[in-house]
Amino acid sequence: MTQDLYKQKKSLELNWEQEYNENGKYTLNMIQIDHKIKEIITQIKAEEARIADRENKILDSQDITRRIKLWQQLRFKDP
């Protein structure tokens, strides 16, 4: 999904550039494109935060599993 958002952002940036090249000035359409780009950037940040959160949860669960195994080894170790 993130890749699609980056593609949309790039496409909008190209539209913005084309609009500027055609008119030579900042137009109302360019303002609308800017707003769409900002919305997509917000979506990208949210998606990347979700991915990072998921990765952190996986790492945390792996760490907990390692700690439990170590605790069990120490607990059941012969004195």
PDB file of N, CA and C in Angstrom:
ATOM      1  N   MET A   1       0.820  -1.191   0.000  1.00  0.00           N
ATOM      2  CA  MET A   1       0.000   0.000   0.000  1.00  0.00           C
ATOM      3  C   MET A   1       0.867   1.259   0.000  1.00  0.00           C
ATOM      4  N   THR A   2       1.954   1.224   0.737  1.00  0.00           N
ATOM      5  CA  THR A   2       2.816   2.395   0.800  1.00  0.00           C
ATOM      6  C   THR A   2       3.372   2.730  -0.575  1.00  0.00           C
ATOM      7  N   GLN A   3       3.735   1.700  -1.324  1.00  0.00           N
ATOM      8  CA  GLN A   3       4.265   1.935  -2.669  1.00  0.00           C
ATOM      9  C   GLN A   3       3.240   2.652  -3.544  1.00  0.00           C
ATOM     10  N   ASP A   4       1.985   2.254  -3.438  1.00  0.00           N
ATOM     11  CA  ASP A   4       0.926   2.906  -4.216  1.00  0.00           C
ATOM     12  C   ASP A   4       0.794   4.373  -3.840  1.00  0.00           C
ATOM     13  N   LEU A   5       0.913   4.659  -2.548  1.00  0.00           N
ATOM     14  CA  LEU A   5       0.821   6.046  -2.092  1.00  0.00           C
ATOM     15  C   LEU A   5       1.981   6.871  -2.641  1.00  0.00           C
ATOM     16  N   TYR A   6       3.173   6.297  -2.645  1.00  0.00           N
ATOM     17  CA  TYR A   6       4.323   7.012  -3.203  1.00  0.00           C
ATOM     18  C   TYR A   6       4.141   7.261  -4.704  1.00  0.00           C
ATOM     19  N   LYS A   7       3.558   6.293  -5.401  1.00  0.00           N
ATOM     20  CA  LYS A   7       3.291   6.474  -6.831  1.00  0.00           C
ATOM     21  C   LYS A   7       2.277   7.595  -7.066  1.00  0.00           C
ATOM     22  N   GLN A   8       1.229   7.627  -6.237  1.00  0.00           N
ATOM     23  CA  GLN A   8       0.228   8.693  -6.352  1.00  0.00           C
ATOM     24  C   GLN A   8       0.861  10.058  -6.099  1.00  0.00           C
ATOM     25  N   LYS A   9       1.710  10.120  -5.087  1.00  0.00           N
ATOM     26  CA  LYS A   9       2.387  11.374  -4.746  1.00  0.00           C
ATOM     27  C   LYS A   9       3.249  11.840  -5.914  1.00  0.00           C
ATOM     28  N   LYS A  10       4.026  10.931  -6.490  1.00  0.00           N
ATOM     29  CA  LYS A  10       4.888  11.276  -7.617  1.00  0.00           C
ATOM     30  C   LYS A  10       4.057  11.753  -8.803  1.00  0.00           C
ATOM     31  N   SER A  11       2.953  11.093  -9.058  1.00  0.00           N
ATOM     32  CA  SER A  11       2.079  11.483 -10.156  1.00  0.00           C
ATOM     33  C   SER A  11       1.528  12.895  -9.949  1.00  0.00           C
ATOM     34  N   LEU A  12       1.107  13.185  -8.719  1.00  0.00           N
ATOM     35  CA  LEU A  12       0.602  14.522  -8.415  1.00  0.00           C
ATOM     36  C   LEU A  12       1.698  15.579  -8.557  1.00  0.00           C
ATOM     37  N   GLU A  13       2.906  15.222  -8.145  1.00  0.00           N
ATOM     38  CA  GLU A  13       4.017  16.166  -8.288  1.00  0.00           C
ATOM     39  C   GLU A  13       4.302  16.466  -9.759  1.00  0.00           C
ATOM     40  N   LEU A  14       4.193  15.435 -10.591  1.00  0.00           N
ATOM     41  CA  LEU A  14       4.380  15.646 -12.037  1.00  0.00           C
ATOM     42  C   LEU A  14       3.259  16.504 -12.614  1.00  0.00           C
ATOM     43  N   ASN A  15       2.024  16.278 -12.142  1.00  0.00           N
ATOM     44  CA  ASN A  15       0.906  17.120 -12.584  1.00  0.00           C
ATOM     45  C   ASN A  15       1.134  18.574 -12.186  1.00  0.00           C
ATOM     46  N   TRP A  16       1.633  18.768 -10.955  1.00  0.00           N
ATOM     47  CA  TRP A  16       1.915  20.118 -10.466  1.00  0.00           C
ATOM     48  C   TRP A  16       2.959  20.790 -11.357  1.00  0.00           C
ATOM     49  N   GLU A  17       4.028  20.040 -11.667  1.00  0.00           N
ATOM     50  CA  GLU A  17       5.094  20.584 -12.507  1.00  0.00           C
ATOM     51  C   GLU A  17       4.586  20.915 -13.906  1.00  0.00           C
ATOM     52  N   GLN A  18       3.759  20.040 -14.452  1.00  0.00           N
ATOM     53  CA  GLN A  18       3.198  20.279 -15.781  1.00  0.00           C
ATOM     54  C   GLN A  18       2.313  21.525 -15.769  1.00  0.00           C
ATOM     55  N   GLU A  19       1.518  21.668 -14.739  1.00  0.00           N
ATOM     56  CA  GLU A  19       0.651  22.845 -14.601  1.00  0.00           C
ATOM     57  C   GLU A  19       1.495  24.122 -14.561  1.00  0.00           C
ATOM     58  N   TYR A  20       2.587  24.069 -13.821  1.00  0.00           N
ATOM     59  CA  TYR A  20       3.456  25.245 -13.723  1.00  0.00           C
ATOM     60  C   TYR A  20       4.105  25.554 -15.072  1.00  0.00           C
ATOM     61  N   ASN A  21       4.566  24.505 -15.753  1.00  0.00           N
ATOM     62  CA  ASN A  21       5.208  24.707 -17.057  1.00  0.00           C
ATOM     63  C   ASN A  21       4.238  25.274 -18.083  1.00  0.00           C
ATOM     64  N   GLU A  22       2.974  24.894 -18.011  1.00  0.00           N
ATOM     65  CA  GLU A  22       1.975  25.397 -18.963  1.00  0.00           C
ATOM     66  C   GLU A  22       1.600  26.853 -18.682  1.00  0.00           C
ATOM     67  N   ASN A  23       1.515  27.221 -17.399  1.00  0.00           N
ATOM     68  CA  ASN A  23       1.015  28.545 -17.038  1.00  0.00           C
ATOM     69  C   ASN A  23       2.102  29.520 -16.591  1.00  0.00           C
ATOM     70  N   GLY A  24       3.217  29.004 -16.153  1.00  0.00           N
ATOM     71  CA  GLY A  24       4.306  29.871 -15.732  1.00  0.00           C
ATOM     72  C   GLY A  24       4.059  30.598 -14.420  1.00  0.00           C
ATOM     73  N   LYS A  25       3.008  30.220 -13.728  1.00  0.00           N
ATOM     74  CA  LYS A  25       2.714  30.851 -12.432  1.00  0.00           C
ATOM     75  C   LYS A  25       1.931  29.860 -11.567  1.00  0.00           C
ATOM     76  N   TYR A  26       1.784  30.222 -10.297  1.00  0.00           N
ATOM     77  CA  TYR A  26       1.066  29.393  -9.333  1.00  0.00           C
ATOM     78  C   TYR A  26      -0.433  29.567  -9.552  1.00  0.00           C
ATOM     79  N   THR A  27      -1.143  28.461  -9.848  1.00  0.00           N
ATOM     80  CA  THR A  27      -2.562  28.542 -10.192  1.00  0.00           C
ATOM     81  C   THR A  27      -3.430  27.898  -9.109  1.00  0.00           C
ATOM     82  N   LEU A  28      -4.727  28.100  -9.228  1.00  0.00           N
ATOM     83  CA  LEU A  28      -5.664  27.475  -8.288  1.00  0.00           C
ATOM     84  C   LEU A  28      -5.599  25.947  -8.364  1.00  0.00           C
ATOM     85  N   ASN A  29      -5.412  25.430  -9.555  1.00  0.00           N
ATOM     86  CA  ASN A  29      -5.291  23.983  -9.713  1.00  0.00           C
ATOM     87  C   ASN A  29      -4.063  23.460  -8.971  1.00  0.00           C
ATOM     88  N   MET A  30      -2.992  24.234  -8.972  1.00  0.00           N
ATOM     89  CA  MET A  30      -1.781  23.831  -8.265  1.00  0.00           C
ATOM     90  C   MET A  30      -2.026  23.811  -6.753  1.00  0.00           C
ATOM     91  N   ILE A  31      -2.850  24.702  -6.267  1.00  0.00           N
ATOM     92  CA  ILE A  31      -3.210  24.714  -4.845  1.00  0.00           C
ATOM     93  C   ILE A  31      -3.942  23.418  -4.498  1.00  0.00           C
ATOM     94  N   GLN A  32      -4.874  23.013  -5.365  1.00  0.00           N
ATOM     95  CA  GLN A  32      -5.604  21.765  -5.136  1.00  0.00           C
ATOM     96  C   GLN A  32      -4.657  20.565  -5.159  1.00  0.00           C
ATOM     97  N   ILE A  33      -3.710  20.590  -6.082  1.00  0.00           N
ATOM     98  CA  ILE A  33      -2.735  19.503  -6.163  1.00  0.00           C
ATOM     99  C   ILE A  33      -1.891  19.474  -4.888  1.00  0.00           C
ATOM    100  N   ASP A  34      -1.486  20.656  -4.410  1.00  0.00           N
ATOM    101  CA  ASP A  34      -0.717  20.732  -3.154  1.00  0.00           C
ATOM    102  C   ASP A  34      -1.480  20.094  -1.996  1.00  0.00           C
ATOM    103  N   HIS A  35      -2.764  20.375  -1.908  1.00  0.00           N
ATOM    104  CA  HIS A  35      -3.585  19.803  -0.831  1.00  0.00           C
ATOM    105  C   HIS A  35      -3.658  18.277  -0.949  1.00  0.00           C
ATOM    106  N   LYS A  36      -3.809  17.790  -2.169  1.00  0.00           N
ATOM    107  CA  LYS A  36      -3.851  16.340  -2.371  1.00  0.00           C
ATOM    108  C   LYS A  36      -2.515  15.698  -1.979  1.00  0.00           C
ATOM    109  N   ILE A  37      -1.416  16.364  -2.331  1.00  0.00           N
ATOM    110  CA  ILE A  37      -0.086  15.853  -1.975  1.00  0.00           C
ATOM    111  C   ILE A  37       0.056  15.787  -0.458  1.00  0.00           C
ATOM    112  N   LYS A  38      -0.394  16.824   0.238  1.00  0.00           N
ATOM    113  CA  LYS A  38      -0.324  16.831   1.703  1.00  0.00           C
ATOM    114  C   LYS A  38      -1.153  15.700   2.306  1.00  0.00           C
ATOM    115  N   GLU A  39      -2.322  15.438   1.734  1.00  0.00           N
ATOM    116  CA  GLU A  39      -3.159  14.339   2.212  1.00  0.00           C
ATOM    117  C   GLU A  39      -2.449  12.996   2.032  1.00  0.00           C
ATOM    118  N   ILE A  40      -1.805  12.826   0.888  1.00  0.00           N
ATOM    119  CA  ILE A  40      -1.103  11.572   0.614  1.00  0.00           C
ATOM    120  C   ILE A  40       0.089  11.421   1.556  1.00  0.00           C
ATOM    121  N   ILE A  41       0.801  12.514   1.819  1.00  0.00           N
ATOM    122  CA  ILE A  41       1.924  12.448   2.753  1.00  0.00           C
ATOM    123  C   ILE A  41       1.432  12.022   4.129  1.00  0.00           C
ATOM    124  N   THR A  42       0.292  12.540   4.542  1.00  0.00           N
ATOM    125  CA  THR A  42      -0.297  12.146   5.828  1.00  0.00           C
ATOM    126  C   THR A  42      -0.622  10.654   5.831  1.00  0.00           C
ATOM    127  N   GLN A  43      -1.179  10.157   4.742  1.00  0.00           N
ATOM    128  CA  GLN A  43      -1.490   8.732   4.633  1.00  0.00           C
ATOM    129  C   GLN A  43      -0.222   7.883   4.657  1.00  0.00           C
ATOM    130  N   ILE A  44       0.830   8.355   3.983  1.00  0.00           N
ATOM    131  CA  ILE A  44       2.099   7.631   3.965  1.00  0.00           C
ATOM    132  C   ILE A  44       2.657   7.533   5.383  1.00  0.00           C
ATOM    133  N   LYS A  45       2.655   8.653   6.098  1.00  0.00           N
ATOM    134  CA  LYS A  45       3.167   8.656   7.469  1.00  0.00           C
ATOM    135  C   LYS A  45       2.370   7.702   8.353  1.00  0.00           C
ATOM    136  N   ALA A  46       1.057   7.704   8.203  1.00  0.00           N
ATOM    137  CA  ALA A  46       0.205   6.820   9.013  1.00  0.00           C
ATOM    138  C   ALA A  46       0.494   5.359   8.686  1.00  0.00           C
ATOM    139  N   GLU A  47       0.626   5.036   7.424  1.00  0.00           N
ATOM    140  CA  GLU A  47       0.886   3.649   7.009  1.00  0.00           C
ATOM    141  C   GLU A  47       2.261   3.202   7.497  1.00  0.00           C
ATOM    142  N   GLU A  48       3.260   4.072   7.373  1.00  0.00           N
ATOM    143  CA  GLU A  48       4.598   3.710   7.834  1.00  0.00           C
ATOM    144  C   GLU A  48       4.627   3.557   9.358  1.00  0.00           C
ATOM    145  N   ALA A  49       3.845   4.351  10.071  1.00  0.00           N
ATOM    146  CA  ALA A  49       3.755   4.215  11.532  1.00  0.00           C
ATOM    147  C   ALA A  49       3.104   2.885  11.897  1.00  0.00           C
ATOM    148  N   ARG A  50       2.058   2.487  11.158  1.00  0.00           N
ATOM    149  CA  ARG A  50       1.412   1.189  11.407  1.00  0.00           C
ATOM    150  C   ARG A  50       2.397   0.036  11.179  1.00  0.00           C
ATOM    151  N   ILE A  51       3.175   0.144  10.112  1.00  0.00           N
ATOM    152  CA  ILE A  51       4.153  -0.896   9.799  1.00  0.00           C
ATOM    153  C   ILE A  51       5.215  -0.967  10.901  1.00  0.00           C
ATOM    154  N   ALA A  52       5.724   0.179  11.315  1.00  0.00           N
ATOM    155  CA  ALA A  52       6.739   0.218  12.371  1.00  0.00           C
ATOM    156  C   ALA A  52       6.184  -0.341  13.675  1.00  0.00           C
ATOM    157  N   ASP A  53       4.935  -0.011  13.992  1.00  0.00           N
ATOM    158  CA  ASP A  53       4.308  -0.517  15.209  1.00  0.00           C
ATOM    159  C   ASP A  53       4.194  -2.038  15.163  1.00  0.00           C
ATOM    160  N   ARG A  54       3.786  -2.557  14.018  1.00  0.00           N
ATOM    161  CA  ARG A  54       3.665  -4.008  13.849  1.00  0.00           C
ATOM    162  C   ARG A  54       5.031  -4.680  14.003  1.00  0.00           C
ATOM    163  N   GLU A  55       6.066  -4.092  13.404  1.00  0.00           N
ATOM    164  CA  GLU A  55       7.408  -4.653  13.517  1.00  0.00           C
ATOM    165  C   GLU A  55       7.896  -4.616  14.964  1.00  0.00           C
ATOM    166  N   ASN A  56       7.613  -3.527  15.678  1.00  0.00           N
ATOM    167  CA  ASN A  56       8.008  -3.432  17.082  1.00  0.00           C
ATOM    168  C   ASN A  56       7.309  -4.477  17.938  1.00  0.00           C
ATOM    169  N   LYS A  57       6.028  -4.723  17.662  1.00  0.00           N
ATOM    170  CA  LYS A  57       5.300  -5.752  18.409  1.00  0.00           C
ATOM    171  C   LYS A  57       5.905  -7.128  18.174  1.00  0.00           C
ATOM    172  N   ILE A  58       6.296  -7.392  16.953  1.00  0.00           N
ATOM    173  CA  ILE A  58       6.922  -8.677  16.634  1.00  0.00           C
ATOM    174  C   ILE A  58       8.246  -8.807  17.385  1.00  0.00           C
ATOM    175  N   LEU A  59       9.060  -7.754  17.348  1.00  0.00           N
ATOM    176  CA  LEU A  59      10.340  -7.789  18.055  1.00  0.00           C
ATOM    177  C   LEU A  59      10.146  -7.935  19.558  1.00  0.00           C
ATOM    178  N   ASP A  60       9.161  -7.243  20.105  1.00  0.00           N
ATOM    179  CA  ASP A  60       8.877  -7.354  21.537  1.00  0.00           C
ATOM    180  C   ASP A  60       8.461  -8.769  21.906  1.00  0.00           C
ATOM    181  N   SER A  61       7.625  -9.381  21.085  1.00  0.00           N
ATOM    182  CA  SER A  61       7.175 -10.737  21.391  1.00  0.00           C
ATOM    183  C   SER A  61       8.339 -11.720  21.297  1.00  0.00           C
ATOM    184  N   GLN A  62       9.239 -11.502  20.345  1.00  0.00           N
ATOM    185  CA  GLN A  62      10.412 -12.366  20.235  1.00  0.00           C
ATOM    186  C   GLN A  62      11.307 -12.198  21.460  1.00  0.00           C
ATOM    187  N   ASP A  63      11.458 -10.975  21.938  1.00  0.00           N
ATOM    188  CA  ASP A  63      12.270 -10.709  23.118  1.00  0.00           C
ATOM    189  C   ASP A  63      11.666 -11.378  24.349  1.00  0.00           C
ATOM    190  N   ILE A  64      10.361 -11.292  24.492  1.00  0.00           N
ATOM    191  CA  ILE A  64       9.679 -11.931  25.627  1.00  0.00           C
ATOM    192  C   ILE A  64       9.880 -13.440  25.575  1.00  0.00           C
ATOM    193  N   THR A  65       9.776 -14.012  24.393  1.00  0.00           N
ATOM    194  CA  THR A  65       9.966 -15.453  24.233  1.00  0.00           C
ATOM    195  C   THR A  65      11.382 -15.849  24.654  1.00  0.00           C
ATOM    196  N   ARG A  66      12.370 -15.070  24.258  1.00  0.00           N
ATOM    197  CA  ARG A  66      13.760 -15.361  24.648  1.00  0.00           C
ATOM    198  C   ARG A  66      13.926 -15.262  26.159  1.00  0.00           C
ATOM    199  N   ARG A  67      13.315 -14.263  26.769  1.00  0.00           N
ATOM    200  CA  ARG A  67      13.422 -14.098  28.221  1.00  0.00           C
ATOM    201  C   ARG A  67      12.777 -15.273  28.960  1.00  0.00           C
ATOM    202  N   ILE A  68      11.641 -15.729  28.484  1.00  0.00           N
ATOM    203  CA  ILE A  68      10.965 -16.862  29.123  1.00  0.00           C
ATOM    204  C   ILE A  68      11.834 -18.109  29.023  1.00  0.00           C
ATOM    205  N   LYS A  69      12.418 -18.358  27.862  1.00  0.00           N
ATOM    206  CA  LYS A  69      13.277 -19.528  27.692  1.00  0.00           C
ATOM    207  C   LYS A  69      14.482 -19.445  28.620  1.00  0.00           C
ATOM    208  N   LEU A  70      15.091 -18.279  28.727  1.00  0.00           N
ATOM    209  CA  LEU A  70      16.234 -18.103  29.617  1.00  0.00           C
ATOM    210  C   LEU A  70      15.822 -18.322  31.066  1.00  0.00           C
ATOM    211  N   TRP A  71      14.699 -17.774  31.458  1.00  0.00           N
ATOM    212  CA  TRP A  71      14.191 -17.930  32.819  1.00  0.00           C
ATOM    213  C   TRP A  71      13.945 -19.402  33.132  1.00  0.00           C
ATOM    214  N   GLN A  72      13.349 -20.103  32.184  1.00  0.00           N
ATOM    215  CA  GLN A  72      13.108 -21.544  32.379  1.00  0.00           C
ATOM    216  C   GLN A  72      14.405 -22.322  32.511  1.00  0.00           C
ATOM    217  N   GLN A  73      15.389 -21.954  31.706  1.00  0.00           N
ATOM    218  CA  GLN A  73      16.679 -22.644  31.786  1.00  0.00           C
ATOM    219  C   GLN A  73      17.320 -22.406  33.154  1.00  0.00           C
ATOM    220  N   LEU A  74      17.261 -21.187  33.638  1.00  0.00           N
ATOM    221  CA  LEU A  74      17.867 -20.875  34.928  1.00  0.00           C
ATOM    222  C   LEU A  74      17.089 -21.491  36.070  1.00  0.00           C
ATOM    223  N   ARG A  75      15.795 -21.524  35.948  1.00  0.00           N
ATOM    224  CA  ARG A  75      14.929 -22.044  37.012  1.00  0.00           C
ATOM    225  C   ARG A  75      15.107 -23.538  37.173  1.00  0.00           C
ATOM    226  N   PHE A  76      15.218 -24.263  36.082  1.00  0.00           N
ATOM    227  CA  PHE A  76      15.274 -25.708  36.144  1.00  0.00           C
ATOM    228  C   PHE A  76      16.703 -26.246  36.061  1.00  0.00           C
ATOM    229  N   LYS A  77      17.654 -25.357  36.205  1.00  0.00           N
ATOM    230  CA  LYS A  77      19.043 -25.771  36.177  1.00  0.00           C
ATOM    231  C   LYS A  77      19.398 -26.474  37.482  1.00  0.00           C
ATOM    232  N   ASP A  78      20.147 -27.564  37.390  1.00  0.00           N
ATOM    233  CA  ASP A  78      20.551 -28.296  38.596  1.00  0.00           C
ATOM    234  C   ASP A  78      21.546 -27.458  39.395  1.00  0.00           C
ATOM    235  N   PRO A  79      21.329 -27.365  40.726  1.00  0.00           N
ATOM    236  CA  PRO A  79      22.259 -26.576  41.565  1.00  0.00           C
ATOM    237  C   PRO A  79      23.573 -27.296  41.786  1.00  0.00           C
TER     238      PRO A  79
END
